[in-house]
Amino acid sequence: MKWMAGSAVFAPGASLLQAANPASPSAIPDLRGYGSDVGSLLPLIEGQARKGDFPLSFLRPQVRSHSAWRRRARARLLDLLHYSPPPCDPRPEVVQREDCGDYFQEKVFFNTTPDVRVPAFVLIPKRGKFPAPAIVALHDHGAFYLWGKEKLVENRSEHPSLTQFKRQLYEGKSTASELARQGYVVVVIDMFYWGERRMLLEKDAADWRERTPGITPERVLAFNQRASTSEPVVGRSIYAAGFTWPGVIFWDDIRTVDYLVTRPEVDRHRIGCVGLSVGGFRSCHLAALDDRIKCAVVVGWMTSFPYQLKRKVLHTIGHSMIVPGLYRDLDYPDVAAMAAPAALMVINGTQDKLFDAEGVRVSHEKLAACYKKAGVGEKLCLRMYDTPHEFNIAMQKEAWAWLKHWV
């Protein structure tokens, strides 16, 4: 009880929150030296994990056609999401437009379901030929919940806590703004549970409710800790209601593309996506589920899931990332292989403690074999950097070149 009372963060993003806020206390007990995070339960858990080829893997010898396989694999993934909102008119509303020098920034609301409206920034370059290529920029988890889309967009009055977060995960860059300067129309939404879609409680103070300019770094940290503590409760509530958290995330991202192609500035045949961490997880699944994505960049989120079970679930795999039952049929690189024939860049860091090193190696090998079998090996780029969990400037430079080539 004493440990629980002093704990601040229980969610899988705790290590990232501590990276962004080094002063935050550790809420996870130190399990180093215990062999496994689940102790004596590991044999049963690992015994249920798939060994070798997964039943729906594209690499199974009897599978010939990539397009036929993708239809089956995609249908299985969509079925397991237990979330399939009916088609809807996005009914967009532009509520603000700002001149940001090289581009205009619009604040927009649009529907992703008949009764859910999401906030977004749309960045429109001033120079370039229209209709222009477009990018869906996907923000991270980071155990940093008070802001979402703002993590990727420049703001003259940005809060110091957000500036520090960008320094540590993006080497100070606002990636959506960087892409707009390169001539892309860029859209970035608040993921469910982040930013304007964050969870607020009835008695929350005004600084949390309104994100007042004077909110202190300590209060920002306290909100992020509260949200991290509550994430498992929200996840359990979602699953108890009969749907999945990833279902909401993936469909919001697909419907973001639905909205994007209605914009007259956008060339619907040249759309890419990019994200770090859970943004990379989202980028991978958006490319896997939506043929309109022609190029995807996945940063800091590629592994073989059976390798995560012993020591890497605690800080990595939370309710917002689990599709129950999926990993009995498909490993994560199998999901990524659904993106083919779209171009795909995957970047991992050798010092990234969120993922088992052997699992990363195996996932890269499997993904390469899938793209080769699909006949589009030249459209896959697998990169390792000697870095921790981040999307630094060198990575960004390589990612932007990849997007330029394929989008």
Protein backbone atom coordinates (compact mmCIF):
# COMPACT_ATOMS: atom_id res chain seq x y z
CA MET A 1 0.00 0.00 0.00
CA LYS A 2 2.88 2.36 0.76
CA TRP A 3 4.39 1.68 -2.66
CA MET A 4 1.03 2.21 -4.38
CA ALA A 5 0.41 5.45 -2.54
CA GLY A 6 3.74 6.81 -3.71
CA SER A 7 3.33 5.63 -7.27
CA ALA A 8 2.60 8.02 -10.10
CA VAL A 9 2.73 6.05 -13.33
CA PHE A 10 1.57 2.54 -14.14
CA ALA A 11 1.11 2.72 -17.91
CA PRO A 12 3.49 1.21 -20.43
CA GLY A 13 4.77 4.66 -21.38
CA ALA A 14 6.25 5.27 -17.94
CA SER A 15 9.83 5.03 -19.13
CA LEU A 16 9.14 7.57 -21.87
CA LEU A 17 7.53 9.94 -19.40
CA GLN A 18 10.63 9.69 -17.25
CA ALA A 19 12.77 10.33 -20.31
CA ALA A 20 10.80 13.47 -21.06
CA ASN A 21 10.58 14.45 -17.39
CA PRO A 22 13.68 13.09 -15.65
CA ALA A 23 12.49 14.35 -12.28
CA SER A 24 9.38 12.18 -12.32
CA PRO A 25 9.50 9.35 -9.76
CA SER A 26 9.62 5.77 -10.88
CA ALA A 27 6.34 4.03 -10.25
CA ILE A 28 7.32 0.64 -11.59
CA PRO A 29 9.13 -1.72 -9.22
CA ASP A 30 12.65 -2.59 -10.27
CA LEU A 31 12.38 -6.13 -11.61
CA ARG A 32 15.96 -6.43 -12.84
CA GLY A 33 17.50 -9.67 -11.70
CA TYR A 34 14.16 -11.48 -11.51
CA GLY A 35 14.63 -13.16 -14.89
CA SER A 36 11.15 -12.30 -16.08
CA ASP A 37 8.60 -9.56 -15.41
CA VAL A 38 5.96 -12.25 -14.85
CA GLY A 39 8.13 -14.61 -12.82
CA SER A 40 6.84 -18.15 -12.49
CA LEU A 41 3.97 -17.48 -14.92
CA LEU A 42 6.29 -17.08 -17.90
CA PRO A 43 6.32 -20.76 -19.03
CA LEU A 44 2.53 -20.83 -19.48
CA ILE A 45 2.49 -17.44 -21.22
CA GLU A 46 5.37 -18.21 -23.57
CA GLY A 47 3.93 -21.64 -24.19
CA GLN A 48 0.89 -20.04 -25.80
CA ALA A 49 2.92 -17.80 -28.09
CA ARG A 50 3.40 -18.85 -31.68
CA LYS A 51 6.62 -20.54 -32.70
CA GLY A 52 7.85 -20.32 -36.28
CA ASP A 53 5.48 -19.23 -39.03
CA PHE A 54 2.19 -17.70 -37.97
CA PRO A 55 -0.94 -19.27 -39.54
CA LEU A 56 -1.76 -16.17 -41.61
CA SER A 57 1.83 -15.19 -42.45
CA PHE A 58 2.52 -14.22 -46.05
CA LEU A 59 5.68 -16.34 -45.88
CA ARG A 60 3.81 -19.63 -45.61
CA PRO A 61 4.74 -21.62 -48.75
CA GLN A 62 1.15 -22.23 -49.84
CA VAL A 63 0.49 -18.48 -50.06
CA ARG A 64 1.08 -17.30 -53.64
CA SER A 65 -0.72 -14.03 -54.24
CA HIS A 66 0.11 -11.05 -52.05
CA SER A 67 -3.10 -9.23 -52.92
CA ALA A 68 -5.27 -12.25 -52.06
CA TRP A 69 -3.34 -12.80 -48.84
CA ARG A 70 -3.65 -9.14 -47.90
CA ARG A 71 -7.44 -9.28 -48.28
CA ARG A 72 -7.62 -12.23 -45.88
CA ALA A 73 -5.13 -10.79 -43.37
CA ARG A 74 -6.72 -7.35 -43.45
CA ALA A 75 -10.17 -8.82 -42.91
CA ARG A 76 -8.89 -10.73 -39.88
CA LEU A 77 -7.31 -7.63 -38.37
CA LEU A 78 -10.42 -5.52 -38.94
CA ASP A 79 -12.62 -8.24 -37.42
CA LEU A 80 -10.48 -8.42 -34.28
CA LEU A 81 -10.70 -4.66 -33.74
CA HIS A 82 -14.40 -5.06 -32.82
CA TYR A 83 -14.91 -1.48 -33.96
CA SER A 84 -16.33 -0.68 -37.38
CA PRO A 85 -18.02 2.71 -37.46
CA PRO A 86 -20.37 3.30 -40.39
CA PRO A 87 -19.26 5.58 -43.22
CA CYS A 88 -19.91 9.24 -42.53
CA ASP A 89 -19.54 12.68 -44.04
CA PRO A 90 -16.53 14.35 -42.36
CA ARG A 91 -18.51 17.64 -42.20
CA PRO A 92 -15.29 19.66 -41.70
CA GLU A 93 -15.31 23.02 -39.99
CA VAL A 94 -12.32 25.37 -40.13
CA VAL A 95 -12.35 27.34 -36.88
CA GLN A 96 -9.00 29.11 -37.15
CA ARG A 97 -6.46 29.99 -39.85
CA GLU A 98 -2.97 31.32 -39.10
CA ASP A 99 -0.16 32.55 -41.32
CA CYS A 100 2.98 30.70 -40.21
CA GLY A 101 5.39 32.18 -42.74
CA ASP A 102 6.07 29.28 -45.12
CA TYR A 103 2.64 27.76 -44.68
CA PHE A 104 -0.87 28.38 -43.44
CA GLN A 105 -2.11 26.44 -40.44
CA GLU A 106 -5.78 25.65 -40.04
CA LYS A 107 -7.52 24.36 -36.94
CA VAL A 108 -10.21 21.96 -38.16
CA PHE A 109 -12.83 19.68 -36.69
CA PHE A 110 -14.21 16.75 -38.69
CA ASN A 111 -16.16 13.55 -38.08
CA THR A 112 -14.59 10.11 -37.92
CA THR A 113 -17.91 8.49 -36.95
CA PRO A 114 -21.42 9.94 -37.16
CA ASP A 115 -21.09 11.13 -33.55
CA VAL A 116 -17.33 11.65 -33.03
CA ARG A 117 -15.59 14.84 -34.11
CA VAL A 118 -11.83 15.11 -33.87
CA PRO A 119 -9.64 18.22 -33.73
CA ALA A 120 -6.83 18.55 -36.25
CA PHE A 121 -4.24 20.90 -37.64
CA VAL A 122 -3.94 21.11 -41.40
CA LEU A 123 -0.77 22.73 -42.70
CA ILE A 124 -0.88 24.08 -46.27
CA PRO A 125 2.39 25.17 -47.91
CA LYS A 126 2.42 28.58 -49.56
CA ARG A 127 4.69 27.56 -52.40
CA GLY A 128 4.42 24.55 -54.63
CA LYS A 129 2.21 23.09 -57.29
CA PHE A 130 -1.32 22.13 -56.33
CA PRO A 131 -2.79 19.62 -55.89
CA ALA A 132 0.19 18.72 -53.71
CA PRO A 133 1.34 15.51 -52.06
CA ALA A 134 0.09 15.02 -48.51
CA ILE A 135 1.32 13.48 -45.27
CA VAL A 136 -0.65 12.12 -42.33
CA ALA A 137 1.61 12.96 -39.37
CA LEU A 138 0.95 10.70 -36.38
CA HIS A 139 1.97 11.75 -32.89
CA ASP A 140 3.49 9.52 -30.22
CA HIS A 141 2.38 8.21 -26.82
CA GLY A 142 5.37 9.30 -24.74
CA ALA A 143 3.26 9.15 -21.55
CA PHE A 144 2.72 12.84 -22.34
CA TYR A 145 -1.02 13.37 -22.67
CA LEU A 146 -1.75 17.04 -22.09
CA TRP A 147 -0.94 17.82 -25.72
CA GLY A 148 -1.23 15.61 -28.80
CA LYS A 149 -1.08 17.19 -32.24
CA GLU A 150 0.96 20.05 -30.80
CA LYS A 151 3.89 17.64 -30.38
CA LEU A 152 4.43 17.83 -34.15
CA VAL A 153 3.55 21.46 -34.90
CA GLU A 154 5.39 24.69 -34.13
CA ASN A 155 3.77 27.14 -31.76
CA ARG A 156 5.20 30.56 -30.88
CA SER A 157 3.77 30.29 -27.36
CA GLU A 158 4.71 26.64 -26.81
CA HIS A 159 4.85 25.51 -23.19
CA PRO A 160 8.40 24.80 -21.89
CA SER A 161 7.42 21.23 -20.95
CA LEU A 162 6.37 20.53 -24.53
CA THR A 163 9.54 22.16 -25.87
CA GLN A 164 11.63 19.91 -23.63
CA PHE A 165 9.67 16.87 -24.76
CA LYS A 166 10.40 17.71 -28.41
CA ARG A 167 14.09 18.15 -27.65
CA GLN A 168 14.37 14.68 -26.22
CA LEU A 169 12.26 12.74 -28.75
CA TYR A 170 12.56 14.83 -31.93
CA GLU A 171 15.83 16.72 -31.34
CA GLY A 172 13.78 19.89 -31.01
CA LYS A 173 12.03 19.66 -34.38
CA SER A 174 8.29 19.92 -35.06
CA THR A 175 8.06 17.30 -37.79
CA ALA A 176 4.68 18.30 -39.25
CA SER A 177 5.90 21.88 -39.69
CA GLU A 178 9.12 20.64 -41.27
CA LEU A 179 7.15 18.62 -43.82
CA ALA A 180 4.86 21.56 -44.64
CA ARG A 181 7.93 23.65 -45.47
CA GLN A 182 8.94 20.93 -47.93
CA GLY A 183 5.71 21.38 -49.88
CA TYR A 184 3.40 18.75 -48.36
CA VAL A 185 -0.11 19.35 -47.14
CA VAL A 186 0.08 17.87 -43.64
CA VAL A 187 -2.71 16.78 -41.32
CA VAL A 188 -2.25 15.80 -37.68
CA ILE A 189 -5.09 14.89 -35.30
CA ASP A 190 -5.30 14.39 -31.57
CA MET A 191 -5.27 10.67 -30.90
CA PHE A 192 -8.03 9.45 -28.57
CA TYR A 193 -7.01 10.16 -24.92
CA TRP A 194 -4.49 12.87 -25.91
CA GLY A 195 -4.66 16.64 -26.30
CA GLU A 196 -8.19 17.97 -26.70
CA ARG A 197 -9.44 14.38 -26.41
CA ARG A 198 -7.74 13.84 -23.04
CA MET A 199 -9.67 12.51 -20.07
CA LEU A 200 -10.93 15.20 -17.70
CA LEU A 201 -12.68 14.59 -14.40
CA GLU A 202 -15.51 16.62 -12.90
CA LYS A 203 -13.41 18.35 -10.23
CA ASP A 204 -10.28 19.01 -12.30
CA ALA A 205 -8.83 22.47 -11.84
CA ALA A 206 -8.96 25.15 -14.54
CA ASP A 207 -5.31 24.79 -15.53
CA TRP A 208 -5.92 21.15 -16.50
CA ARG A 209 -9.28 21.85 -18.10
CA GLU A 210 -8.17 24.87 -20.13
CA ARG A 211 -4.42 24.21 -20.47
CA THR A 212 -3.87 27.78 -19.33
CA PRO A 213 -0.64 29.47 -20.56
CA GLY A 214 0.61 29.80 -17.01
CA ILE A 215 0.29 26.13 -16.11
CA THR A 216 3.46 25.13 -14.28
CA PRO A 217 5.74 22.28 -15.39
CA GLU A 218 4.86 20.55 -12.13
CA ARG A 219 1.18 20.65 -13.00
CA VAL A 220 1.88 19.40 -16.52
CA LEU A 221 3.81 16.50 -15.03
CA ALA A 222 1.03 15.81 -12.52
CA PHE A 223 -1.59 15.66 -15.29
CA ASN A 224 0.53 13.29 -17.36
CA GLN A 225 1.05 11.07 -14.31
CA ARG A 226 -2.68 11.03 -13.56
CA ALA A 227 -3.49 10.17 -17.18
CA SER A 228 -0.87 7.42 -17.18
CA THR A 229 -2.29 5.95 -13.99
CA SER A 230 -5.78 6.01 -15.50
CA GLU A 231 -4.85 4.50 -18.86
CA PRO A 232 -5.37 0.87 -17.72
CA VAL A 233 -8.79 1.78 -16.28
CA VAL A 234 -9.83 3.38 -19.55
CA GLY A 235 -8.52 0.36 -21.43
CA ARG A 236 -10.44 -2.07 -19.26
CA SER A 237 -13.59 0.01 -19.65
CA ILE A 238 -13.21 -0.02 -23.44
CA TYR A 239 -12.73 -3.77 -23.57
CA ALA A 240 -15.62 -4.29 -21.14
CA ALA A 241 -17.81 -2.27 -23.53
CA GLY A 242 -16.96 -4.74 -26.27
CA PHE A 243 -14.55 -2.88 -28.55
CA THR A 244 -10.79 -2.15 -28.65
CA TRP A 245 -8.66 0.93 -28.15
CA PRO A 246 -6.61 0.25 -31.33
CA GLY A 247 -9.90 0.03 -33.22
CA VAL A 248 -10.65 3.65 -32.33
CA ILE A 249 -7.10 4.76 -33.17
CA PHE A 250 -6.87 2.98 -36.53
CA TRP A 251 -10.30 4.03 -37.73
CA ASP A 252 -9.68 7.65 -36.74
CA ASP A 253 -6.50 7.55 -38.82
CA ILE A 254 -8.28 5.97 -41.81
CA ARG A 255 -11.05 8.56 -41.58
CA THR A 256 -8.38 11.25 -41.44
CA VAL A 257 -7.38 10.11 -44.93
CA ASP A 258 -11.08 10.25 -45.89
CA TYR A 259 -11.08 13.91 -44.88
CA LEU A 260 -7.69 14.65 -46.43
CA VAL A 261 -8.77 13.55 -49.92
CA THR A 262 -11.68 16.03 -49.82
CA ARG A 263 -9.21 18.92 -49.68
CA PRO A 264 -8.74 20.59 -53.09
CA GLU A 265 -5.07 21.22 -52.26
CA VAL A 266 -4.35 17.47 -51.98
CA ASP A 267 -3.28 15.03 -54.68
CA ARG A 268 -5.15 11.92 -53.53
CA HIS A 269 -2.71 9.69 -55.41
CA ARG A 270 0.30 10.91 -53.41
CA ILE A 271 -0.31 10.37 -49.70
CA GLY A 272 2.19 9.16 -47.10
CA CYS A 273 2.29 8.79 -43.34
CA VAL A 274 4.98 8.99 -40.67
CA GLY A 275 5.21 8.57 -36.91
CA LEU A 276 7.47 7.84 -33.95
CA SER A 277 6.76 5.25 -31.26
CA VAL A 278 3.00 4.75 -31.07
CA GLY A 279 2.95 7.14 -34.02
CA GLY A 280 5.04 4.50 -35.80
CA PHE A 281 2.60 1.82 -34.65
CA ARG A 282 -0.19 3.92 -36.16
CA SER A 283 1.78 4.56 -39.35
CA CYS A 284 2.36 0.82 -39.80
CA HIS A 285 -1.32 -0.04 -39.38
CA LEU A 286 -2.58 2.84 -41.50
CA ALA A 287 -0.41 1.67 -44.39
CA ALA A 288 -1.54 -1.92 -43.77
CA LEU A 289 -5.25 -1.03 -43.79
CA ASP A 290 -5.53 1.76 -46.37
CA ASP A 291 -4.44 1.38 -50.01
CA ARG A 292 -4.41 5.17 -50.42
CA ILE A 293 -1.16 5.31 -48.43
CA LYS A 294 1.67 5.08 -50.96
CA CYS A 295 4.58 5.43 -48.53
CA ALA A 296 4.95 5.00 -44.77
CA VAL A 297 7.72 5.68 -42.26
CA VAL A 298 7.66 3.68 -39.03
CA VAL A 299 10.10 4.94 -36.38
CA GLY A 300 10.76 3.15 -33.11
CA TRP A 301 8.09 0.47 -33.34
CA MET A 302 9.06 -2.75 -35.07
CA THR A 303 9.62 -6.07 -33.34
CA SER A 304 8.50 -9.67 -33.19
CA PHE A 305 5.97 -9.83 -30.37
CA PRO A 306 6.87 -13.26 -28.91
CA TYR A 307 10.29 -11.80 -28.05
CA GLN A 308 8.65 -9.07 -25.97
CA LEU A 309 6.97 -11.43 -23.50
CA LYS A 310 9.79 -12.06 -21.07
CA ARG A 311 10.98 -8.56 -20.22
CA LYS A 312 9.59 -6.00 -22.67
CA VAL A 313 5.82 -5.85 -22.14
CA LEU A 314 5.87 -3.61 -19.07
CA HIS A 315 6.84 -0.33 -20.73
CA THR A 316 5.79 -1.12 -24.28
CA ILE A 317 2.52 -2.97 -24.75
CA GLY A 318 -0.49 -1.30 -23.17
CA HIS A 319 -4.23 -1.31 -23.71
CA SER A 320 -3.91 1.26 -26.50
CA MET A 321 -1.75 -1.14 -28.54
CA ILE A 322 -3.27 -4.58 -28.06
CA VAL A 323 -5.58 -6.26 -30.55
CA PRO A 324 -6.61 -9.40 -28.63
CA GLY A 325 -5.99 -12.59 -30.56
CA LEU A 326 -4.12 -10.96 -33.46
CA TYR A 327 -0.73 -12.39 -32.54
CA ARG A 328 -2.02 -15.94 -32.74
CA ASP A 329 -2.46 -15.41 -36.49
CA LEU A 330 -0.01 -12.69 -37.48
CA ASP A 331 3.21 -11.37 -36.01
CA TYR A 332 3.76 -7.62 -36.10
CA PRO A 333 6.04 -7.76 -39.19
CA ASP A 334 3.29 -9.76 -40.90
CA VAL A 335 0.96 -6.83 -40.24
CA ALA A 336 3.57 -4.44 -41.66
CA ALA A 337 3.83 -6.64 -44.78
CA MET A 338 0.21 -5.78 -45.58
CA ALA A 339 1.48 -2.32 -46.53
CA ALA A 340 3.09 -3.72 -49.69
CA PRO A 341 3.21 -2.64 -52.45
CA ALA A 342 3.40 0.73 -50.70
CA ALA A 343 6.93 1.90 -49.92
CA LEU A 344 7.89 1.31 -46.28
CA MET A 345 10.79 2.63 -44.22
CA VAL A 346 11.39 1.14 -40.75
CA ILE A 347 13.84 2.77 -38.34
CA ASN A 348 14.92 1.30 -34.99
CA GLY A 349 17.53 2.32 -32.43
CA THR A 350 20.03 -0.20 -31.06
CA GLN A 351 19.81 1.52 -27.66
CA ASP A 352 16.01 1.50 -27.60
CA LYS A 353 15.23 -0.34 -24.36
CA LEU A 354 11.56 -0.78 -25.24
CA PHE A 355 12.25 -3.66 -27.61
CA ASP A 356 14.13 -6.94 -27.41
CA ALA A 357 17.15 -6.67 -29.72
CA GLU A 358 16.71 -10.17 -31.14
CA GLY A 359 13.02 -9.48 -31.73
CA VAL A 360 13.91 -6.38 -33.74
CA ARG A 361 16.44 -8.34 -35.82
CA VAL A 362 13.97 -11.14 -36.51
CA SER A 363 11.23 -8.68 -37.46
CA HIS A 364 13.49 -6.89 -39.93
CA GLU A 365 14.49 -10.19 -41.54
CA LYS A 366 10.88 -11.34 -41.83
CA LEU A 367 9.70 -8.03 -43.26
CA ALA A 368 12.49 -8.10 -45.84
CA ALA A 369 11.50 -11.63 -46.86
CA CYS A 370 7.85 -10.58 -47.20
CA TYR A 371 8.63 -7.60 -49.43
CA LYS A 372 10.95 -9.74 -51.54
CA LYS A 373 8.29 -12.42 -51.95
CA ALA A 374 5.77 -9.73 -52.91
CA GLY A 375 8.17 -8.63 -55.66
CA VAL A 376 8.72 -5.12 -54.26
CA GLY A 377 11.92 -5.53 -52.28
CA GLU A 378 13.20 -2.18 -53.54
CA LYS A 379 10.29 -0.44 -51.78
CA LEU A 380 11.44 -1.47 -48.31
CA CYS A 381 14.15 0.29 -46.31
CA LEU A 382 15.24 -1.10 -42.92
CA ARG A 383 17.55 1.10 -40.87
CA MET A 384 19.25 0.76 -37.51
CA TYR A 385 20.72 3.76 -35.67
CA ASP A 386 22.93 3.60 -32.59
CA THR A 387 20.42 5.63 -30.62
CA PRO A 388 17.72 5.30 -27.94
CA HIS A 389 13.96 5.68 -28.53
CA GLU A 390 13.84 8.87 -30.60
CA PHE A 391 13.36 10.42 -34.04
CA ASN A 392 16.47 12.55 -34.32
CA ILE A 393 17.49 14.94 -37.09
CA ALA A 394 19.62 12.36 -38.93
CA MET A 395 16.66 9.94 -38.95
CA GLN A 396 14.33 12.71 -40.08
CA LYS A 397 16.64 13.64 -42.96
CA GLU A 398 16.62 10.04 -44.20
CA ALA A 399 12.87 9.72 -43.71
CA TRP A 400 12.16 12.94 -45.64
CA ALA A 401 14.31 11.70 -48.53
CA TRP A 402 12.36 8.43 -48.57
CA LEU A 403 9.02 10.25 -48.59
CA LYS A 404 10.19 12.59 -51.36
CA HIS A 405 11.27 9.63 -53.51
CA TRP A 406 8.04 7.65 -53.18
CA VAL A 407 5.39 10.35 -52.56
